[in-house]
C-alpha atoms as a PDB file:
ATOM      1  CA  UNK A   1       0.000   0.000   0.000  1.00  0.00           C
ATOM      2  CA  UNK A   2       0.991   3.615  -0.527  1.00  0.00           C
ATOM      3  CA  UNK A   3      -0.189   6.005   2.190  1.00  0.00           C
ATOM      4  CA  UNK A   4      -3.201   3.801   2.891  1.00  0.00           C
ATOM      5  CA  UNK A   5      -4.120   3.287  -0.781  1.00  0.00           C
ATOM      6  CA  UNK A   6      -3.906  -0.059  -2.546  1.00  0.00           C
ATOM      7  CA  UNK A   7      -1.846  -0.005  -5.746  1.00  0.00           C
ATOM      8  CA  UNK A   8      -1.935  -2.332  -8.752  1.00  0.00           C
ATOM      9  CA  UNK A   9       0.479  -2.076 -11.683  1.00  0.00           C
ATOM     10  CA  UNK A  10      -0.422  -3.198 -15.191  1.00  0.00           C
ATOM     11  CA  UNK A  11       2.565  -4.515 -17.158  1.00  0.00           C
ATOM     12  CA  UNK A  12       1.675  -4.957 -20.860  1.00  0.00           C
ATOM     13  CA  UNK A  13       4.239  -6.994 -22.730  1.00  0.00           C
ATOM     14  CA  UNK A  14       4.849  -8.541 -26.115  1.00  0.00           C
ATOM     15  CA  UNK A  15       8.001 -10.571 -26.752  1.00  0.00           C
ATOM     16  CA  UNK A  16       9.885  -9.207 -23.734  1.00  0.00           C
ATOM     17  CA  UNK A  17      11.567 -12.406 -22.505  1.00  0.00           C
ATOM     18  CA  UNK A  18      14.880 -10.589 -21.934  1.00  0.00           C
ATOM     19  CA  UNK A  19      13.356  -7.648 -20.023  1.00  0.00           C
ATOM     20  CA  UNK A  20      10.253  -8.760 -18.150  1.00  0.00           C
ATOM     21  CA  UNK A  21      12.199 -10.543 -15.400  1.00  0.00           C
ATOM     22  CA  UNK A  22      14.064  -7.395 -14.338  1.00  0.00           C
ATOM     23  CA  UNK A  23      10.825  -5.368 -14.468  1.00  0.00           C
ATOM     24  CA  UNK A  24       9.162  -7.755 -12.010  1.00  0.00           C
ATOM     25  CA  UNK A  25      12.208  -8.005  -9.761  1.00  0.00           C
ATOM     26  CA  UNK A  26      12.551  -4.239  -9.380  1.00  0.00           C
ATOM     27  CA  UNK A  27       8.857  -3.567  -8.699  1.00  0.00           C
ATOM     28  CA  UNK A  28       8.577  -1.371  -5.554  1.00  0.00           C
ATOM     29  CA  UNK A  29       7.445  -2.979  -2.302  1.00  0.00           C
ATOM     30  CA  UNK A  30       4.401  -0.705  -1.950  1.00  0.00           C
ATOM     31  CA  UNK A  31       2.794  -2.308  -5.018  1.00  0.00           C
ATOM     32  CA  UNK A  32       0.073  -4.722  -3.905  1.00  0.00           C
ATOM     33  CA  UNK A  33      -0.601  -6.450  -7.229  1.00  0.00           C
ATOM     34  CA  UNK A  34       1.278  -6.756 -10.517  1.00  0.00           C
ATOM     35  CA  UNK A  35      -0.945  -7.623 -13.481  1.00  0.00           C
ATOM     36  CA  UNK A  36       1.212  -8.835 -16.357  1.00  0.00           C
ATOM     37  CA  UNK A  37      -0.858  -8.802 -19.554  1.00  0.00           C
ATOM     38  CA  UNK A  38       0.828 -10.845 -22.256  1.00  0.00           C
ATOM     39  CA  UNK A  39      -0.288  -9.771 -25.722  1.00  0.00           C
ATOM     40  CA  UNK A  40       0.122 -13.190 -27.378  1.00  0.00           C
ATOM     41  CA  UNK A  41       3.924 -13.215 -27.254  1.00  0.00           C
ATOM     42  CA  UNK A  42       5.725 -15.673 -29.517  1.00  0.00           C
ATOM     43  CA  UNK A  43       8.855 -15.957 -27.364  1.00  0.00           C
ATOM     44  CA  UNK A  44       9.396 -17.136 -23.758  1.00  0.00           C
ATOM     45  CA  UNK A  45       7.790 -14.115 -22.080  1.00  0.00           C
ATOM     46  CA  UNK A  46       5.043 -16.176 -20.417  1.00  0.00           C
ATOM     47  CA  UNK A  47       7.503 -18.829 -19.273  1.00  0.00           C
ATOM     48  CA  UNK A  48       9.713 -16.198 -17.634  1.00  0.00           C
ATOM     49  CA  UNK A  49       6.696 -14.703 -15.837  1.00  0.00           C
ATOM     50  CA  UNK A  50       5.512 -18.149 -14.701  1.00  0.00           C
ATOM     51  CA  UNK A  51       8.981 -18.889 -13.334  1.00  0.00           C
ATOM     52  CA  UNK A  52       8.949 -15.638 -11.390  1.00  0.00           C
ATOM     53  CA  UNK A  53       5.507 -16.415  -9.988  1.00  0.00           C
ATOM     54  CA  UNK A  54       6.596 -19.910  -8.917  1.00  0.00           C
ATOM     55  CA  UNK A  55       9.675 -18.514  -7.179  1.00  0.00           C
ATOM     56  CA  UNK A  56       7.749 -15.765  -5.371  1.00  0.00           C
ATOM     57  CA  UNK A  57       4.787 -17.314  -3.626  1.00  0.00           C
ATOM     58  CA  UNK A  58       3.018 -18.934  -6.547  1.00  0.00           C
ATOM     59  CA  UNK A  59      -0.665 -18.090  -6.986  1.00  0.00           C
ATOM     60  CA  UNK A  60      -0.701 -16.442  -3.551  1.00  0.00           C
ATOM     61  CA  UNK A  61       2.013 -13.976  -4.556  1.00  0.00           C
ATOM     62  CA  UNK A  62       1.439 -10.493  -5.883  1.00  0.00           C
ATOM     63  CA  UNK A  63       2.133 -11.238  -9.574  1.00  0.00           C
ATOM     64  CA  UNK A  64      -0.638 -12.462 -11.880  1.00  0.00           C
ATOM     65  CA  UNK A  65      -0.373 -13.359 -15.566  1.00  0.00           C
ATOM     66  CA  UNK A  66      -3.222 -12.524 -17.941  1.00  0.00           C
ATOM     67  CA  UNK A  67      -2.920 -13.880 -21.474  1.00  0.00           C
ATOM     68  CA  UNK A  68      -4.453 -12.419 -24.600  1.00  0.00           C
ATOM     69  CA  UNK A  69      -5.541 -15.063 -27.132  1.00  0.00           C
ATOM     70  CA  UNK A  70      -4.458 -12.898 -30.057  1.00  0.00           C
ATOM     71  CA  UNK A  71      -2.182  -9.910 -30.471  1.00  0.00           C
ATOM     72  CA  UNK A  72      -4.524  -6.959 -29.960  1.00  0.00           C
ATOM     73  CA  UNK A  73      -2.047  -4.192 -29.234  1.00  0.00           C
ATOM     74  CA  UNK A  74      -0.621  -2.426 -26.216  1.00  0.00           C
ATOM     75  CA  UNK A  75      -3.725  -0.316 -25.638  1.00  0.00           C
ATOM     76  CA  UNK A  76      -5.958  -3.382 -25.537  1.00  0.00           C
ATOM     77  CA  UNK A  77      -3.615  -5.026 -23.023  1.00  0.00           C
ATOM     78  CA  UNK A  78      -3.658  -1.950 -20.786  1.00  0.00           C
ATOM     79  CA  UNK A  79      -7.456  -1.706 -21.014  1.00  0.00           C
ATOM     80  CA  UNK A  80      -7.755  -5.313 -19.850  1.00  0.00           C
ATOM     81  CA  UNK A  81      -5.491  -4.565 -16.904  1.00  0.00           C
ATOM     82  CA  UNK A  82      -7.548  -1.487 -16.030  1.00  0.00           C
ATOM     83  CA  UNK A  83     -10.721  -3.575 -16.010  1.00  0.00           C
ATOM     84  CA  UNK A  84      -9.056  -5.986 -13.576  1.00  0.00           C
ATOM     85  CA  UNK A  85      -8.166  -3.062 -11.323  1.00  0.00           C
ATOM     86  CA  UNK A  86     -11.806  -1.941 -11.299  1.00  0.00           C
ATOM     87  CA  UNK A  87     -13.100  -5.461 -10.618  1.00  0.00           C
ATOM     88  CA  UNK A  88     -10.601  -6.079  -7.811  1.00  0.00           C
ATOM     89  CA  UNK A  89     -11.265  -2.584  -6.395  1.00  0.00           C
ATOM     90  CA  UNK A  90      -7.715  -1.311  -6.127  1.00  0.00           C
ATOM     91  CA  UNK A  91      -7.520   2.379  -5.252  1.00  0.00           C
ATOM     92  CA  UNK A  92      -4.802   3.277  -7.772  1.00  0.00           C
ATOM     93  CA  UNK A  93      -3.728   1.729 -11.038  1.00  0.00           C
ATOM     94  CA  UNK A  94      -0.375   2.298 -12.735  1.00  0.00           C
ATOM     95  CA  UNK A  95       1.213   1.192 -15.989  1.00  0.00           C
ATOM     96  CA  UNK A  96       4.815   0.093 -16.493  1.00  0.00           C
ATOM     97  CA  UNK A  97       5.800  -1.406 -19.835  1.00  0.00           C
ATOM     98  CA  UNK A  98       7.522  -4.775 -19.862  1.00  0.00           C
ATOM     99  CA  UNK A  99      10.536  -3.555 -21.845  1.00  0.00           C
ATOM    100  CA  UNK A 100      12.406  -2.081 -18.885  1.00  0.00           C
ATOM    101  CA  UNK A 101      12.289   1.508 -20.159  1.00  0.00           C
ATOM    102  CA  UNK A 102      10.515   2.823 -17.061  1.00  0.00           C
ATOM    103  CA  UNK A 103      12.521   3.471 -13.901  1.00  0.00           C
ATOM    104  CA  UNK A 104      10.735   1.631 -11.086  1.00  0.00           C
ATOM    105  CA  UNK A 105      12.335   3.911  -8.483  1.00  0.00           C
ATOM    106  CA  UNK A 106      10.248   6.786  -9.904  1.00  0.00           C
ATOM    107  CA  UNK A 107       6.878   5.046  -9.593  1.00  0.00           C
ATOM    108  CA  UNK A 108       6.174   6.751  -6.267  1.00  0.00           C
ATOM    109  CA  UNK A 109       6.428  10.145  -7.994  1.00  0.00           C
ATOM    110  CA  UNK A 110       3.393   9.226 -10.090  1.00  0.00           C
ATOM    111  CA  UNK A 111       1.425   7.389  -7.408  1.00  0.00           C
ATOM    112  CA  UNK A 112       1.845  10.070  -4.708  1.00  0.00           C
ATOM    113  CA  UNK A 113      -0.271  12.887  -6.278  1.00  0.00           C
ATOM    114  CA  UNK A 114      -3.062  10.413  -7.090  1.00  0.00           C
ATOM    115  CA  UNK A 115      -3.005   8.895  -3.602  1.00  0.00           C
ATOM    116  CA  UNK A 116      -3.150  12.368  -2.032  1.00  0.00           C
ATOM    117  CA  UNK A 117      -6.060  13.519  -4.192  1.00  0.00           C
ATOM    118  CA  UNK A 118      -4.019  16.145  -6.029  1.00  0.00           C
ATOM    119  CA  UNK A 119      -4.636  14.556  -9.437  1.00  0.00           C
ATOM    120  CA  UNK A 120      -6.841  11.932 -11.039  1.00  0.00           C
ATOM    121  CA  UNK A 121      -4.146  10.990 -13.550  1.00  0.00           C
ATOM    122  CA  UNK A 122      -0.397  11.496 -13.244  1.00  0.00           C
ATOM    123  CA  UNK A 123       1.765  10.855 -16.288  1.00  0.00           C
ATOM    124  CA  UNK A 124       5.488  10.834 -16.853  1.00  0.00           C
ATOM    125  CA  UNK A 125       7.146  13.508 -18.937  1.00  0.00           C
ATOM    126  CA  UNK A 126      10.560  12.629 -20.341  1.00  0.00           C
ATOM    127  CA  UNK A 127      10.831  15.842 -22.365  1.00  0.00           C
ATOM    128  CA  UNK A 128      11.106  17.998 -19.209  1.00  0.00           C
ATOM    129  CA  UNK A 129      13.917  15.905 -17.733  1.00  0.00           C
ATOM    130  CA  UNK A 130      17.315  17.574 -17.812  1.00  0.00           C
ATOM    131  CA  UNK A 131      19.460  16.098 -20.535  1.00  0.00           C
ATOM    132  CA  UNK A 132      16.478  14.550 -22.322  1.00  0.00           C
ATOM    133  CA  UNK A 133      17.808  15.656 -25.716  1.00  0.00           C
ATOM    134  CA  UNK A 134      21.045  13.786 -25.082  1.00  0.00           C
ATOM    135  CA  UNK A 135      19.349  10.737 -23.525  1.00  0.00           C
ATOM    136  CA  UNK A 136      16.641  10.121 -26.136  1.00  0.00           C
ATOM    137  CA  UNK A 137      17.147   9.298 -29.827  1.00  0.00           C
ATOM    138  CA  UNK A 138      16.725  12.624 -31.564  1.00  0.00           C
ATOM    139  CA  UNK A 139      14.117  11.399 -34.030  1.00  0.00           C
ATOM    140  CA  UNK A 140      12.086  10.053 -31.094  1.00  0.00           C
ATOM    141  CA  UNK A 141      12.390  13.350 -29.224  1.00  0.00           C
ATOM    142  CA  UNK A 142      11.289  15.438 -32.222  1.00  0.00           C
ATOM    143  CA  UNK A 143       8.492  13.066 -33.209  1.00  0.00           C
ATOM    144  CA  UNK A 144       7.240  12.985 -29.633  1.00  0.00           C
ATOM    145  CA  UNK A 145       7.348  16.783 -29.354  1.00  0.00           C
ATOM    146  CA  UNK A 146       5.342  17.112 -32.602  1.00  0.00           C
ATOM    147  CA  UNK A 147       2.680  14.616 -31.500  1.00  0.00           C
ATOM    148  CA  UNK A 148       2.559  16.260 -28.071  1.00  0.00           C
ATOM    149  CA  UNK A 149       1.770  19.604 -29.676  1.00  0.00           C
ATOM    150  CA  UNK A 150      -1.116  18.063 -31.630  1.00  0.00           C
ATOM    151  CA  UNK A 151      -2.321  16.170 -28.559  1.00  0.00           C
ATOM    152  CA  UNK A 152      -2.506  19.396 -26.558  1.00  0.00           C
ATOM    153  CA  UNK A 153      -5.060  20.689 -29.063  1.00  0.00           C
ATOM    154  CA  UNK A 154      -6.934  17.388 -29.299  1.00  0.00           C
ATOM    155  CA  UNK A 155      -7.070  16.615 -25.572  1.00  0.00           C
ATOM    156  CA  UNK A 156      -7.495  20.098 -24.070  1.00  0.00           C
ATOM    157  CA  UNK A 157      -4.642  19.466 -21.627  1.00  0.00           C
ATOM    158  CA  UNK A 158      -2.501  22.333 -22.842  1.00  0.00           C
ATOM    159  CA  UNK A 159      -0.029  21.955 -19.980  1.00  0.00           C
ATOM    160  CA  UNK A 160       1.019  18.366 -20.722  1.00  0.00           C
ATOM    161  CA  UNK A 161       3.837  17.152 -22.948  1.00  0.00           C
ATOM    162  CA  UNK A 162       5.357  13.796 -23.865  1.00  0.00           C
ATOM    163  CA  UNK A 163       1.941  12.515 -24.861  1.00  0.00           C
ATOM    164  CA  UNK A 164       3.369   9.141 -25.929  1.00  0.00           C
ATOM    165  CA  UNK A 165       4.653   8.026 -22.543  1.00  0.00           C
ATOM    166  CA  UNK A 166       2.756   5.119 -21.006  1.00  0.00           C
ATOM    167  CA  UNK A 167       4.243   5.511 -17.510  1.00  0.00           C
ATOM    168  CA  UNK A 168       1.162   6.679 -15.593  1.00  0.00           C
ATOM    169  CA  UNK A 169      -0.870   6.360 -12.402  1.00  0.00           C
ATOM    170  CA  UNK A 170      -4.652   6.774 -12.315  1.00  0.00           C
ATOM    171  CA  UNK A 171      -7.357   6.655  -9.669  1.00  0.00           C
ATOM    172  CA  UNK A 172     -10.025   3.955  -9.721  1.00  0.00           C
ATOM    173  CA  UNK A 173     -12.661   6.703  -9.752  1.00  0.00           C
ATOM    174  CA  UNK A 174     -11.279   7.969 -13.064  1.00  0.00           C
ATOM    175  CA  UNK A 175     -11.189   4.466 -14.537  1.00  0.00           C
ATOM    176  CA  UNK A 176     -14.779   3.853 -13.482  1.00  0.00           C
ATOM    177  CA  UNK A 177     -15.909   7.189 -14.946  1.00  0.00           C
ATOM    178  CA  UNK A 178     -14.311   7.242 -18.391  1.00  0.00           C
ATOM    179  CA  UNK A 179     -15.265   4.877 -21.202  1.00  0.00           C
ATOM    180  CA  UNK A 180     -12.591   2.171 -21.359  1.00  0.00           C
ATOM    181  CA  UNK A 181     -14.551   0.272 -23.967  1.00  0.00           C
ATOM    182  CA  UNK A 182     -13.205   1.272 -27.352  1.00  0.00           C
ATOM    183  CA  UNK A 183      -9.884   2.625 -26.022  1.00  0.00           C
ATOM    184  CA  UNK A 184      -7.510   2.752 -28.989  1.00  0.00           C
ATOM    185  CA  UNK A 185      -5.844  -0.679 -28.966  1.00  0.00           C
ATOM    186  CA  UNK A 186      -2.353   0.178 -30.161  1.00  0.00           C
ATOM    187  CA  UNK A 187       0.417   2.735 -29.664  1.00  0.00           C
ATOM    188  CA  UNK A 188      -1.906   5.750 -29.743  1.00  0.00           C
ATOM    189  CA  UNK A 189      -3.842   4.748 -26.643  1.00  0.00           C
ATOM    190  CA  UNK A 190      -2.135   7.317 -24.314  1.00  0.00           C
ATOM    191  CA  UNK A 191      -3.415  10.097 -26.591  1.00  0.00           C
ATOM    192  CA  UNK A 192      -6.893   8.576 -26.630  1.00  0.00           C
ATOM    193  CA  UNK A 193      -6.788   8.214 -22.848  1.00  0.00           C
ATOM    194  CA  UNK A 194      -6.093  11.924 -22.377  1.00  0.00           C
ATOM    195  CA  UNK A 195      -9.068  12.832 -24.561  1.00  0.00           C
ATOM    196  CA  UNK A 196     -11.380  10.542 -22.576  1.00  0.00           C
ATOM    197  CA  UNK A 197     -10.145  11.999 -19.298  1.00  0.00           C
ATOM    198  CA  UNK A 198     -10.810  15.532 -20.520  1.00  0.00           C
ATOM    199  CA  UNK A 199     -14.369  14.731 -21.585  1.00  0.00           C
ATOM    200  CA  UNK A 200     -15.100  13.901 -17.929  1.00  0.00           C
ATOM    201  CA  UNK A 201     -13.020  16.791 -16.525  1.00  0.00           C
ATOM    202  CA  UNK A 202     -10.318  14.760 -14.791  1.00  0.00           C
ATOM    203  CA  UNK A 203      -7.298  16.559 -13.345  1.00  0.00           C
ATOM    204  CA  UNK A 204      -4.002  15.619 -15.007  1.00  0.00           C
ATOM    205  CA  UNK A 205      -0.477  16.177 -13.717  1.00  0.00           C
ATOM    206  CA  UNK A 206       2.804  16.005 -15.657  1.00  0.00           C
ATOM    207  CA  UNK A 207       5.705  14.507 -13.677  1.00  0.00           C
ATOM    208  CA  UNK A 208       9.288  14.789 -15.030  1.00  0.00           C
ATOM    209  CA  UNK A 209      10.836  11.320 -15.299  1.00  0.00           C
ATOM    210  CA  UNK A 210      14.170  10.008 -16.515  1.00  0.00           C
ATOM    211  CA  UNK A 211      14.312   8.720 -20.109  1.00  0.00           C
ATOM    212  CA  UNK A 212      15.589   5.125 -20.132  1.00  0.00           C
ATOM    213  CA  UNK A 213      17.118   3.736 -23.325  1.00  0.00           C
ATOM    214  CA  UNK A 214      19.655   1.096 -24.343  1.00  0.00           C
ATOM    215  CA  UNK A 215      18.769  -1.369 -21.585  1.00  0.00           C
ATOM    216  CA  UNK A 216      18.194  -4.240 -23.981  1.00  0.00           C
ATOM    217  CA  UNK A 217      14.791  -3.167 -25.266  1.00  0.00           C
ATOM    218  CA  UNK A 218      13.795  -3.803 -28.869  1.00  0.00           C
ATOM    219  CA  UNK A 219      11.719  -1.072 -30.441  1.00  0.00           C
ATOM    220  CA  UNK A 220       8.597  -2.312 -32.205  1.00  0.00           C
ATOM    221  CA  UNK A 221       7.588   1.143 -33.451  1.00  0.00           C
ATOM    222  CA  UNK A 222       8.544   2.588 -36.840  1.00  0.00           C
ATOM    223  CA  UNK A 223       8.066   6.351 -36.614  1.00  0.00           C
ATOM    224  CA  UNK A 224       7.506   6.917 -40.337  1.00  0.00           C
ATOM    225  CA  UNK A 225       4.637   4.422 -40.259  1.00  0.00           C
ATOM    226  CA  UNK A 226       3.212   5.539 -36.939  1.00  0.00           C
ATOM    227  CA  UNK A 227       3.069   9.305 -37.597  1.00  0.00           C
ATOM    228  CA  UNK A 228       0.337   9.306 -40.312  1.00  0.00           C
ATOM    229  CA  UNK A 229      -1.802   6.906 -38.274  1.00  0.00           C
ATOM    230  CA  UNK A 230      -1.296   8.959 -35.127  1.00  0.00           C
ATOM    231  CA  UNK A 231      -2.186  12.233 -36.860  1.00  0.00           C
ATOM    232  CA  UNK A 232      -5.445  10.723 -38.145  1.00  0.00           C
ATOM    233  CA  UNK A 233      -6.230   9.324 -34.685  1.00  0.00           C
ATOM    234  CA  UNK A 234      -5.564  12.686 -33.019  1.00  0.00           C
ATOM    235  CA  UNK A 235      -7.848  14.465 -35.514  1.00  0.00           C
ATOM    236  CA  UNK A 236     -10.668  11.983 -34.838  1.00  0.00           C
ATOM    237  CA  UNK A 237     -10.251  12.264 -31.065  1.00  0.00           C
ATOM    238  CA  UNK A 238     -10.287  16.073 -31.329  1.00  0.00           C
ATOM    239  CA  UNK A 239     -13.649  15.934 -33.118  1.00  0.00           C
ATOM    240  CA  UNK A 240     -14.909  13.443 -30.548  1.00  0.00           C
ATOM    241  CA  UNK A 241     -13.944  15.737 -27.656  1.00  0.00           C
ATOM    242  CA  UNK A 242     -15.490  18.793 -29.269  1.00  0.00           C
ATOM    243  CA  UNK A 243     -18.765  16.969 -29.713  1.00  0.00           C
ATOM    244  CA  UNK A 244     -18.911  15.319 -26.299  1.00  0.00           C
ATOM    245  CA  UNK A 245     -17.488  18.103 -24.155  1.00  0.00           C
ATOM    246  CA  UNK A 246     -18.834  21.239 -25.817  1.00  0.00           C
ATOM    247  CA  UNK A 247     -22.033  20.079 -27.517  1.00  0.00           C
ATOM    248  CA  UNK A 248     -23.483  17.098 -25.664  1.00  0.00           C
ATOM    249  CA  UNK A 249     -22.249  17.636 -22.087  1.00  0.00           C
ATOM    250  CA  UNK A 250     -22.320  21.431 -22.102  1.00  0.00           C
ATOM    251  CA  UNK A 251     -22.546  23.829 -25.032  1.00  0.00           C
ATOM    252  CA  UNK A 252     -19.741  26.324 -25.622  1.00  0.00           C
ATOM    253  CA  UNK A 253     -19.414  28.656 -28.652  1.00  0.00           C
ATOM    254  CA  UNK A 254     -15.768  27.690 -29.175  1.00  0.00           C
ATOM    255  CA  UNK A 255     -16.987  24.819 -31.397  1.00  0.00           C
ATOM    256  CA  UNK A 256     -18.547  27.449 -33.654  1.00  0.00           C
ATOM    257  CA  UNK A 257     -15.236  29.328 -33.736  1.00  0.00           C
ATOM    258  CA  UNK A 258     -13.429  26.158 -34.811  1.00  0.00           C
ATOM    259  CA  UNK A 259     -16.170  25.509 -37.382  1.00  0.00           C
ATOM    260  CA  UNK A 260     -15.932  29.015 -38.828  1.00  0.00           C
ATOM    261  CA  UNK A 261     -12.158  28.722 -38.906  1.00  0.00           C
ATOM    262  CA  UNK A 262     -12.409  25.512 -40.931  1.00  0.00           C
ATOM    263  CA  UNK A 263     -15.041  26.973 -43.249  1.00  0.00           C
ATOM    264  CA  UNK A 264     -12.983  30.095 -43.995  1.00  0.00           C
ATOM    265  CA  UNK A 265      -9.817  28.039 -44.404  1.00  0.00           C
ATOM    266  CA  UNK A 266     -11.477  25.920 -47.097  1.00  0.00           C
ATOM    267  CA  UNK A 267     -12.758  29.008 -48.923  1.00  0.00           C
ATOM    268  CA  UNK A 268      -9.292  30.558 -48.680  1.00  0.00           C
ATOM    269  CA  UNK A 269      -7.721  27.365 -50.010  1.00  0.00           C
ATOM    270  CA  UNK A 270     -10.080  27.395 -52.986  1.00  0.00           C
ATOM    271  CA  UNK A 271      -9.299  31.068 -53.601  1.00  0.00           C
ATOM    272  CA  UNK A 272      -5.557  30.399 -53.428  1.00  0.00           C
ATOM    273  CA  UNK A 273      -5.719  27.497 -55.901  1.00  0.00           C
ATOM    274  CA  UNK A 274      -7.841  29.578 -58.289  1.00  0.00           C
ATOM    275  CA  UNK A 275      -5.456  32.536 -57.966  1.00  0.00           C
ATOM    276  CA  UNK A 276      -2.446  30.380 -58.853  1.00  0.00           C
ATOM    277  CA  UNK A 277      -4.322  28.791 -61.779  1.00  0.00           C
ATOM    278  CA  UNK A 278      -5.276  32.211 -63.201  1.00  0.00           C
ATOM    279  CA  UNK A 279      -1.734  33.502 -62.701  1.00  0.00           C
ATOM    280  CA  UNK A 280      -0.266  30.544 -64.628  1.00  0.00           C
ATOM    281  CA  UNK A 281      -2.864  30.872 -67.398  1.00  0.00           C
ATOM    282  CA  UNK A 282      -2.847  34.679 -67.838  1.00  0.00           C
ATOM    283  CA  UNK A 283       0.351  35.878 -66.074  1.00  0.00           C
ATOM    284  CA  UNK A 284      -1.696  38.131 -63.827  1.00  0.00           C
ATOM    285  CA  UNK A 285      -3.174  37.877 -60.346  1.00  0.00           C
ATOM    286  CA  UNK A 286      -6.833  38.931 -60.008  1.00  0.00           C
ATOM    287  CA  UNK A 287      -7.069  41.497 -57.215  1.00  0.00           C
ATOM    288  CA  UNK A 288     -10.422  40.393 -55.813  1.00  0.00           C
ATOM    289  CA  UNK A 289      -9.245  36.789 -55.761  1.00  0.00           C
ATOM    290  CA  UNK A 290      -6.102  37.767 -53.847  1.00  0.00           C
ATOM    291  CA  UNK A 291      -8.093  39.884 -51.382  1.00  0.00           C
ATOM    292  CA  UNK A 292     -10.532  37.022 -50.765  1.00  0.00           C
ATOM    293  CA  UNK A 293      -7.624  34.652 -50.079  1.00  0.00           C
ATOM    294  CA  UNK A 294      -5.970  37.070 -47.633  1.00  0.00           C
ATOM    295  CA  UNK A 295      -9.253  37.866 -45.860  1.00  0.00           C
ATOM    296  CA  UNK A 296     -10.225  34.205 -45.444  1.00  0.00           C
ATOM    297  CA  UNK A 297      -6.753  33.154 -44.304  1.00  0.00           C
ATOM    298  CA  UNK A 298      -6.448  35.896 -41.681  1.00  0.00           C
ATOM    299  CA  UNK A 299     -10.016  35.422 -40.456  1.00  0.00           C
ATOM    300  CA  UNK A 300      -9.595  31.631 -40.242  1.00  0.00           C
ATOM    301  CA  UNK A 301      -6.441  32.056 -38.163  1.00  0.00           C
ATOM    302  CA  UNK A 302      -8.226  34.488 -35.830  1.00  0.00           C
ATOM    303  CA  UNK A 303     -11.202  32.175 -35.313  1.00  0.00           C
ATOM    304  CA  UNK A 304      -8.965  29.187 -34.569  1.00  0.00           C
ATOM    305  CA  UNK A 305      -6.742  31.139 -32.165  1.00  0.00           C
ATOM    306  CA  UNK A 306      -9.772  32.454 -30.274  1.00  0.00           C
ATOM    307  CA  UNK A 307     -11.169  28.916 -30.080  1.00  0.00           C
ATOM    308  CA  UNK A 308      -7.855  27.675 -28.665  1.00  0.00           C
ATOM    309  CA  UNK A 309      -7.817  30.474 -26.110  1.00  0.00           C
ATOM    310  CA  UNK A 310     -11.369  29.653 -25.004  1.00  0.00           C
ATOM    311  CA  UNK A 311     -10.417  25.980 -24.727  1.00  0.00           C
ATOM    312  CA  UNK A 312      -7.356  26.808 -22.621  1.00  0.00           C
ATOM    313  CA  UNK A 313      -9.466  28.861 -20.233  1.00  0.00           C
ATOM    314  CA  UNK A 314     -12.109  26.152 -19.939  1.00  0.00           C
ATOM    315  CA  UNK A 315      -9.481  23.537 -19.081  1.00  0.00           C
ATOM    316  CA  UNK A 316      -7.358  25.614 -16.703  1.00  0.00           C
ATOM    317  CA  UNK A 317      -9.059  24.078 -13.617  1.00  0.00           C
ATOM    318  CA  UNK A 318      -8.015  20.598 -14.825  1.00  0.00           C
ATOM    319  CA  UNK A 319      -4.340  21.449 -14.443  1.00  0.00           C
ATOM    320  CA  UNK A 320      -3.247  19.597 -11.321  1.00  0.00           C
ATOM    321  CA  UNK A 321      -0.512  21.258  -9.294  1.00  0.00           C
ATOM    322  CA  UNK A 322       2.674  19.398  -8.509  1.00  0.00           C
ATOM    323  CA  UNK A 323       2.968  18.229  -4.883  1.00  0.00           C
END
């Protein structure tokens, strides 16, 4: 237990036979239950976990192994672990990947603000750690920073960064409130999770954590393939949040500002394409066409910026303060 609160850690893993043992061995003593969710590994991951369970109290120990029949993705594995936490009524749930890239000695930094009621969801932030640029592969750092910027807009949590980290702690109340069914099943689930938390006005805290690389992990993510998928996911989750938060749950005119911004942007885009076509065909630029393009572009930018400002003000109370 941590300060009177029961804690369960979900450990999603797929082909982590070389890393999962050290993850389980270094799990902090205050953790009451470790839920290893194997996502249909094809190596010895399950055997290594079973050996650890047998050597540490067997079925009566704190480690449990949950097996997925098919490979459904990291998000699906985490969602299954979260459902177990709800069913077993643990106070706090946390996530630590099975690849050893999360420092177990920092878990208390995430659990503490949730246990003390300062946040509903505490997430790690590697980008704020000193020396992060030197510690992380540069393409990972830049890709993460880009996706974090988009996730700020999509989720409404303008104060958070490192949206791709899965090192988190969350209260059972938050898990019971949000809709876990349909959580994005693969690498984009942390972004989806933030959107779902915002819809139900959960307080989120960013906690600087140490980036851990080159500990034997094998990356299963190809950034050039992930980025287009992630950008499409973030766009869909943005539309979902706008509809649920500002239309269904409580109306706010910022959705109209975003809508007008999109409408004027499309008109401006049409005007720009027509202006270029006329210029190529006649070697001149029609003045009214150019004025329409400038007017629509400037107005669209103003509408979008005002919508962002309104959104920031609406979500300011959801910014949890660091302990």
